[in-house]
Amino acid sequence: MIRQGIEQAVKEALVALGADEAAFVVERPGSLEYGDYATNAALVAAKTLKKNPKEIKTPNKKVINAPKKANEATWLGVKSR
């Protein structure tokens, strides 16, 4: 359920950026030091928008609200680990 929430938030962010056709993935990173979930959305959006990925990540932080909720003890009825 958390993954679907993150995917939806990323889709909304990409629409806001004008990169709604960018195909991205949300996955578990190989090491927990990189967090619970990771996405390549900034990289694929950058390619779609023909911009540097560093220019893409700042607006995403303003648009995506899922990480705040994901940091809570429970989100969408699922206890965090």
Protein backbone atom coordinates (compact mmCIF):
# COMPACT_ATOMS: atom_id res chain seq x y z
CA MET A 1 0.00 0.00 0.00
CA ILE A 2 2.82 2.39 0.74
CA ARG A 3 4.37 1.75 -2.66
CA GLN A 4 1.09 2.62 -4.41
CA GLY A 5 0.88 5.86 -2.41
CA ILE A 6 4.41 6.80 -3.39
CA GLU A 7 3.74 5.91 -7.04
CA GLN A 8 0.62 8.09 -7.06
CA ALA A 9 2.46 11.02 -5.46
CA VAL A 10 5.30 10.70 -7.99
CA LYS A 11 2.81 10.56 -10.88
CA GLU A 12 1.17 13.75 -9.61
CA ALA A 13 4.58 15.43 -9.30
CA LEU A 14 5.53 14.42 -12.83
CA VAL A 15 2.24 15.82 -14.16
CA ALA A 16 2.94 19.10 -12.33
CA LEU A 17 6.40 19.20 -13.91
CA GLY A 18 5.06 18.49 -17.39
CA ALA A 19 6.70 15.05 -17.57
CA ASP A 20 3.58 12.93 -17.10
CA GLU A 21 4.61 10.45 -19.80
CA ALA A 22 7.91 9.59 -18.07
CA ALA A 23 8.05 5.88 -17.21
CA PHE A 24 9.51 5.50 -13.70
CA VAL A 25 9.83 2.74 -11.10
CA VAL A 26 9.46 2.69 -7.32
CA GLU A 27 11.46 -0.09 -5.73
CA ARG A 28 13.20 -1.21 -2.57
CA PRO A 29 16.89 -0.29 -2.69
CA GLY A 30 19.49 -3.00 -2.17
CA SER A 31 20.65 -1.43 1.08
CA LEU A 32 18.54 0.17 3.82
CA GLU A 33 21.04 3.03 4.06
CA TYR A 34 19.33 4.37 0.92
CA GLY A 35 15.88 4.35 2.54
CA ASP A 36 12.84 2.12 2.34
CA TYR A 37 11.92 3.05 -1.25
CA ALA A 38 13.72 4.60 -4.20
CA THR A 39 12.63 5.90 -7.59
CA ASN A 40 14.30 6.91 -10.82
CA ALA A 41 11.61 9.56 -11.47
CA ALA A 42 14.01 12.53 -11.49
CA LEU A 43 16.26 10.83 -14.03
CA VAL A 44 13.49 9.86 -16.45
CA ALA A 45 11.76 13.23 -16.00
CA ALA A 46 15.04 14.99 -16.76
CA LYS A 47 15.37 13.03 -19.97
CA THR A 48 11.78 13.81 -20.96
CA LEU A 49 12.16 17.52 -20.12
CA LYS A 50 15.71 17.72 -21.51
CA LYS A 51 17.05 19.13 -18.24
CA ASN A 52 19.74 18.23 -15.74
CA PRO A 53 18.36 15.84 -13.05
CA LYS A 54 19.61 18.25 -10.37
CA GLU A 55 17.16 20.82 -11.75
CA ILE A 56 14.32 18.31 -11.46
CA LYS A 57 14.75 17.21 -7.84
CA THR A 58 14.08 20.55 -6.16
CA PRO A 59 10.57 21.08 -7.60
CA ASN A 60 9.72 17.45 -6.75
CA LYS A 61 10.42 18.12 -3.07
CA LYS A 62 7.79 20.84 -3.14
CA VAL A 63 5.16 18.71 -4.90
CA ILE A 64 5.48 15.25 -3.33
CA ASN A 65 3.80 14.93 0.07
CA ALA A 66 4.07 11.15 0.47
CA PRO A 67 7.48 11.09 2.21
CA LYS A 68 6.11 13.12 5.15
CA LYS A 69 3.34 10.57 5.65
CA ALA A 70 5.70 7.68 5.06
CA ASN A 71 7.83 8.84 7.99
CA GLU A 72 4.89 8.42 10.39
CA ALA A 73 4.57 5.26 12.49
CA THR A 74 1.66 4.12 10.31
CA TRP A 75 0.56 5.19 6.88
CA LEU A 76 -2.44 3.78 5.06
CA GLY A 77 -2.92 1.31 7.90
CA VAL A 78 0.51 -0.27 7.52
CA LYS A 79 2.98 -0.12 10.41
CA SER A 80 6.43 1.07 9.44
CA ARG A 81 9.36 -1.20 10.18
